[in-house]
Amino acid sequence: MSKNPFHHSASSDVLRLKALQSGFESRVEVNQRMLIDKMLARYSSDFVVCRELIQNSDDAKATSFHFEITCDDELSSSSTEKDFHNKTITEIRAINNGLVFNETDWKRVAAIAEGNTNVESVGQFGVGFFSVFSFSEEPIIASGKEYMAFVWRDDNSLTTYRH
């Protein structure tokens, strides 16, 4: 009679306690670049970036929204999402006159998928802003007199610099 290699006689509580007391700790690694790419693949639709930025403007009580796309002068050699009329998009700006970010807004914009229990504020679900990564490797958010730059590190982790 063969033993099931996945069966252990101790309860999961006992195993957990023993692991915490005398096991070796290691950090779970997340490739943030791949995570964002996979999230975008499941979250994609026509005009998703524009729709999300308009929604964030509305959440911020904006009465004005301006969307600007800047392209280089040369024709693009391939057709991708980052193309506009066969030219490569070099910059996208979304400008609104909504509320200026508070400390909570700055913290939440740097957190993926945490969402927001306050339905009256920007970014209720916590994924909309990350749609901009389909067009920009390293976006920048400006609000009031502050701004935050998103920067990829060599280990595919995303970090922010707020000024």
C-alpha atoms as a PDB file:
ATOM      1  CA  MET A   1       0.000   0.000   0.000  1.00  0.00           C
ATOM      2  CA  SER A   2       1.485   3.326  -1.073  1.00  0.00           C
ATOM      3  CA  LYS A   3       1.294   6.427   1.028  1.00  0.00           C
ATOM      4  CA  ASN A   4      -0.145   9.623  -0.387  1.00  0.00           C
ATOM      5  CA  PRO A   5       2.849  12.017  -0.604  1.00  0.00           C
ATOM      6  CA  PHE A   6       0.535  14.990  -0.076  1.00  0.00           C
ATOM      7  CA  HIS A   7      -1.046  13.682   3.116  1.00  0.00           C
ATOM      8  CA  HIS A   8       0.365  14.751   6.450  1.00  0.00           C
ATOM      9  CA  SER A   9      -1.035  13.572   9.756  1.00  0.00           C
ATOM     10  CA  ALA A  10      -0.577  16.908  11.541  1.00  0.00           C
ATOM     11  CA  SER A  11      -3.270  19.576  11.222  1.00  0.00           C
ATOM     12  CA  SER A  12      -2.640  22.669   9.156  1.00  0.00           C
ATOM     13  CA  ASP A  13      -2.566  24.748  12.366  1.00  0.00           C
ATOM     14  CA  VAL A  14       0.243  22.591  13.779  1.00  0.00           C
ATOM     15  CA  LEU A  15       2.186  22.727  10.514  1.00  0.00           C
ATOM     16  CA  ARG A  16       1.775  26.504  10.294  1.00  0.00           C
ATOM     17  CA  LEU A  17       2.990  26.967  13.875  1.00  0.00           C
ATOM     18  CA  LYS A  18       6.037  24.737  13.307  1.00  0.00           C
ATOM     19  CA  ALA A  19       6.860  26.548  10.055  1.00  0.00           C
ATOM     20  CA  LEU A  20       6.670  29.939  11.782  1.00  0.00           C
ATOM     21  CA  GLN A  21       8.764  28.773  14.747  1.00  0.00           C
ATOM     22  CA  SER A  22      11.567  26.929  12.997  1.00  0.00           C
ATOM     23  CA  GLY A  23      11.127  27.274   9.249  1.00  0.00           C
ATOM     24  CA  PHE A  24      13.169  29.371   6.840  1.00  0.00           C
ATOM     25  CA  GLU A  25      11.508  32.590   5.785  1.00  0.00           C
ATOM     26  CA  SER A  26      11.635  33.745   2.186  1.00  0.00           C
ATOM     27  CA  ARG A  27       9.876  36.586   0.461  1.00  0.00           C
ATOM     28  CA  VAL A  28       7.282  35.933  -2.237  1.00  0.00           C
ATOM     29  CA  GLU A  29       8.516  37.681  -5.355  1.00  0.00           C
ATOM     30  CA  VAL A  30       6.163  39.410  -7.770  1.00  0.00           C
ATOM     31  CA  ASN A  31       7.264  40.551 -11.190  1.00  0.00           C
ATOM     32  CA  GLN A  32       5.280  43.783 -11.174  1.00  0.00           C
ATOM     33  CA  ARG A  33       5.852  44.436 -14.866  1.00  0.00           C
ATOM     34  CA  MET A  34       4.320  41.073 -15.811  1.00  0.00           C
ATOM     35  CA  LEU A  35       1.495  41.563 -13.314  1.00  0.00           C
ATOM     36  CA  ILE A  36       0.577  44.926 -14.839  1.00  0.00           C
ATOM     37  CA  ASP A  37       0.855  43.497 -18.379  1.00  0.00           C
ATOM     38  CA  LYS A  38      -1.464  40.598 -17.480  1.00  0.00           C
ATOM     39  CA  MET A  39      -3.908  42.922 -15.736  1.00  0.00           C
ATOM     40  CA  LEU A  40      -3.993  45.174 -18.799  1.00  0.00           C
ATOM     41  CA  ALA A  41      -4.598  42.200 -21.095  1.00  0.00           C
ATOM     42  CA  ARG A  42      -7.722  41.321 -19.100  1.00  0.00           C
ATOM     43  CA  TYR A  43      -8.782  44.948 -18.692  1.00  0.00           C
ATOM     44  CA  SER A  44      -8.425  46.047 -22.278  1.00  0.00           C
ATOM     45  CA  SER A  45     -11.126  47.511 -24.481  1.00  0.00           C
ATOM     46  CA  ASP A  46     -11.426  50.339 -26.966  1.00  0.00           C
ATOM     47  CA  PHE A  47     -10.494  53.696 -25.463  1.00  0.00           C
ATOM     48  CA  VAL A  48      -9.976  52.219 -21.968  1.00  0.00           C
ATOM     49  CA  VAL A  49      -7.272  54.764 -21.073  1.00  0.00           C
ATOM     50  CA  CYS A  50      -9.378  57.743 -22.089  1.00  0.00           C
ATOM     51  CA  ARG A  51     -12.456  56.309 -20.361  1.00  0.00           C
ATOM     52  CA  GLU A  52     -10.559  55.696 -17.112  1.00  0.00           C
ATOM     53  CA  LEU A  53      -8.970  59.138 -17.088  1.00  0.00           C
ATOM     54  CA  ILE A  54     -12.360  60.757 -17.725  1.00  0.00           C
ATOM     55  CA  GLN A  55     -13.837  58.677 -14.890  1.00  0.00           C
ATOM     56  CA  ASN A  56     -11.021  59.738 -12.545  1.00  0.00           C
ATOM     57  CA  SER A  57     -11.649  63.369 -13.518  1.00  0.00           C
ATOM     58  CA  ASP A  58     -15.333  62.952 -12.787  1.00  0.00           C
ATOM     59  CA  ASP A  59     -14.525  61.319  -9.434  1.00  0.00           C
ATOM     60  CA  ALA A  60     -12.369  64.382  -8.642  1.00  0.00           C
ATOM     61  CA  LYS A  61     -15.384  66.649  -9.309  1.00  0.00           C
ATOM     62  CA  ALA A  62     -13.800  68.171 -12.418  1.00  0.00           C
ATOM     63  CA  THR A  63     -15.930  70.374 -14.649  1.00  0.00           C
ATOM     64  CA  SER A  64     -13.331  70.400 -17.428  1.00  0.00           C
ATOM     65  CA  PHE A  65     -11.278  67.608 -19.044  1.00  0.00           C
ATOM     66  CA  HIS A  66      -8.670  68.008 -21.782  1.00  0.00           C
ATOM     67  CA  PHE A  67      -7.019  65.022 -23.498  1.00  0.00           C
ATOM     68  CA  GLU A  68      -3.960  65.642 -25.653  1.00  0.00           C
ATOM     69  CA  ILE A  69      -1.951  63.168 -27.730  1.00  0.00           C
ATOM     70  CA  THR A  70       1.482  64.135 -29.062  1.00  0.00           C
ATOM     71  CA  CYS A  71       3.170  62.065 -31.767  1.00  0.00           C
ATOM     72  CA  ASP A  72       6.577  62.122 -33.400  1.00  0.00           C
ATOM     73  CA  ASP A  73       6.819  63.380 -36.971  1.00  0.00           C
ATOM     74  CA  GLU A  74       7.895  60.078 -38.506  1.00  0.00           C
ATOM     75  CA  LEU A  75       5.544  57.333 -39.606  1.00  0.00           C
ATOM     76  CA  SER A  76       5.511  54.311 -37.331  1.00  0.00           C
ATOM     77  CA  SER A  77       7.100  51.157 -38.719  1.00  0.00           C
ATOM     78  CA  SER A  78       4.530  48.877 -37.063  1.00  0.00           C
ATOM     79  CA  SER A  79       0.949  49.202 -35.948  1.00  0.00           C
ATOM     80  CA  THR A  80       0.515  48.892 -32.176  1.00  0.00           C
ATOM     81  CA  GLU A  81      -1.642  50.361 -29.439  1.00  0.00           C
ATOM     82  CA  LYS A  82       1.021  53.047 -29.084  1.00  0.00           C
ATOM     83  CA  ASP A  83       0.332  54.308 -32.616  1.00  0.00           C
ATOM     84  CA  PHE A  84      -2.001  57.115 -33.624  1.00  0.00           C
ATOM     85  CA  HIS A  85      -2.630  57.644 -37.345  1.00  0.00           C
ATOM     86  CA  ASN A  86       0.481  55.539 -38.071  1.00  0.00           C
ATOM     87  CA  LYS A  87       2.677  57.777 -35.923  1.00  0.00           C
ATOM     88  CA  THR A  88       4.258  56.820 -32.613  1.00  0.00           C
ATOM     89  CA  ILE A  89       2.671  58.422 -29.565  1.00  0.00           C
ATOM     90  CA  THR A  90       5.321  60.246 -27.541  1.00  0.00           C
ATOM     91  CA  GLU A  91       3.118  61.847 -24.897  1.00  0.00           C
ATOM     92  CA  ILE A  92      -0.428  61.702 -23.576  1.00  0.00           C
ATOM     93  CA  ARG A  93      -1.736  64.421 -21.296  1.00  0.00           C
ATOM     94  CA  ALA A  94      -4.994  64.366 -19.405  1.00  0.00           C
ATOM     95  CA  ILE A  95      -5.721  67.655 -17.692  1.00  0.00           C
ATOM     96  CA  ASN A  96      -8.690  68.420 -15.472  1.00  0.00           C
ATOM     97  CA  ASN A  97      -9.735  71.069 -12.975  1.00  0.00           C
ATOM     98  CA  GLY A  98     -10.772  68.593 -10.292  1.00  0.00           C
ATOM     99  CA  LEU A  99      -9.785  68.383  -6.655  1.00  0.00           C
ATOM    100  CA  VAL A 100      -6.081  68.379  -5.839  1.00  0.00           C
ATOM    101  CA  PHE A 101      -4.725  65.067  -4.521  1.00  0.00           C
ATOM    102  CA  ASN A 102      -4.563  64.702  -0.753  1.00  0.00           C
ATOM    103  CA  GLU A 103      -2.121  62.414   1.085  1.00  0.00           C
ATOM    104  CA  THR A 104      -4.482  59.438   0.827  1.00  0.00           C
ATOM    105  CA  ASP A 105      -4.857  59.931  -2.942  1.00  0.00           C
ATOM    106  CA  TRP A 106      -1.062  59.907  -3.416  1.00  0.00           C
ATOM    107  CA  LYS A 107      -0.731  56.682  -1.427  1.00  0.00           C
ATOM    108  CA  ARG A 108      -3.589  54.977  -3.242  1.00  0.00           C
ATOM    109  CA  VAL A 109      -2.426  55.849  -6.764  1.00  0.00           C
ATOM    110  CA  ALA A 110       0.785  53.927  -6.054  1.00  0.00           C
ATOM    111  CA  ALA A 111      -1.141  50.833  -4.903  1.00  0.00           C
ATOM    112  CA  ILE A 112      -2.538  48.450  -7.505  1.00  0.00           C
ATOM    113  CA  ALA A 113      -6.075  47.108  -7.040  1.00  0.00           C
ATOM    114  CA  GLU A 114      -6.547  48.235  -3.442  1.00  0.00           C
ATOM    115  CA  GLY A 115      -9.581  50.216  -4.450  1.00  0.00           C
ATOM    116  CA  ASN A 116     -11.307  52.760  -2.315  1.00  0.00           C
ATOM    117  CA  THR A 117     -14.197  52.363   0.077  1.00  0.00           C
ATOM    118  CA  ASN A 118     -15.080  56.032  -0.363  1.00  0.00           C
ATOM    119  CA  VAL A 119     -17.234  56.091  -3.501  1.00  0.00           C
ATOM    120  CA  GLU A 120     -17.002  59.892  -3.477  1.00  0.00           C
ATOM    121  CA  SER A 121     -13.280  59.971  -4.269  1.00  0.00           C
ATOM    122  CA  VAL A 122     -11.006  59.182  -7.189  1.00  0.00           C
ATOM    123  CA  GLY A 123     -10.175  55.615  -8.185  1.00  0.00           C
ATOM    124  CA  GLN A 124     -12.872  53.498  -6.616  1.00  0.00           C
ATOM    125  CA  PHE A 125     -11.487  50.151  -7.805  1.00  0.00           C
ATOM    126  CA  GLY A 126      -7.749  50.827  -7.917  1.00  0.00           C
ATOM    127  CA  VAL A 127      -6.968  49.599 -11.432  1.00  0.00           C
ATOM    128  CA  GLY A 128      -8.047  52.366 -13.816  1.00  0.00           C
ATOM    129  CA  PHE A 129      -4.939  54.510 -13.618  1.00  0.00           C
ATOM    130  CA  PHE A 130      -2.754  51.507 -14.422  1.00  0.00           C
ATOM    131  CA  SER A 131      -4.378  51.384 -17.858  1.00  0.00           C
ATOM    132  CA  VAL A 132      -1.964  54.200 -18.774  1.00  0.00           C
ATOM    133  CA  PHE A 133       0.834  51.610 -18.736  1.00  0.00           C
ATOM    134  CA  SER A 134      -0.535  50.370 -22.058  1.00  0.00           C
ATOM    135  CA  PHE A 135       0.829  53.635 -23.519  1.00  0.00           C
ATOM    136  CA  SER A 136       3.568  54.713 -21.127  1.00  0.00           C
ATOM    137  CA  GLU A 137       6.391  52.790 -19.516  1.00  0.00           C
ATOM    138  CA  GLU A 138       6.907  55.445 -16.859  1.00  0.00           C
ATOM    139  CA  PRO A 139       3.929  57.784 -16.400  1.00  0.00           C
ATOM    140  CA  ILE A 140       3.934  60.936 -14.297  1.00  0.00           C
ATOM    141  CA  ILE A 141       0.975  62.287 -12.325  1.00  0.00           C
ATOM    142  CA  ALA A 142       0.829  65.974 -11.398  1.00  0.00           C
ATOM    143  CA  SER A 143      -1.712  67.381  -8.973  1.00  0.00           C
ATOM    144  CA  GLY A 144      -1.545  70.828  -7.460  1.00  0.00           C
ATOM    145  CA  LYS A 145       2.115  71.644  -6.799  1.00  0.00           C
ATOM    146  CA  GLU A 146       3.191  68.004  -6.473  1.00  0.00           C
ATOM    147  CA  TYR A 147       3.956  65.235  -8.921  1.00  0.00           C
ATOM    148  CA  MET A 148       4.810  61.539  -8.839  1.00  0.00           C
ATOM    149  CA  ALA A 149       6.974  59.690 -11.363  1.00  0.00           C
ATOM    150  CA  PHE A 150       6.663  55.923 -11.821  1.00  0.00           C
ATOM    151  CA  VAL A 151      10.007  54.256 -12.602  1.00  0.00           C
ATOM    152  CA  TRP A 152      10.915  50.643 -13.381  1.00  0.00           C
ATOM    153  CA  ARG A 153      13.903  49.136 -11.585  1.00  0.00           C
ATOM    154  CA  ASP A 154      16.182  46.505 -13.103  1.00  0.00           C
ATOM    155  CA  ASP A 155      14.388  43.724 -11.198  1.00  0.00           C
ATOM    156  CA  ASN A 156      11.034  44.597 -12.865  1.00  0.00           C
ATOM    157  CA  SER A 157       9.709  46.218  -9.724  1.00  0.00           C
ATOM    158  CA  LEU A 158       7.916  49.518 -10.030  1.00  0.00           C
ATOM    159  CA  THR A 159       8.783  52.381  -7.710  1.00  0.00           C
ATOM    160  CA  THR A 160       7.570  55.941  -7.379  1.00  0.00           C
ATOM    161  CA  TYR A 161       9.304  59.249  -6.754  1.00  0.00           C
ATOM    162  CA  ARG A 162       7.127  62.018  -5.388  1.00  0.00           C
ATOM    163  CA  HIS A 163       8.195  65.650  -5.541  1.00  0.00           C
END
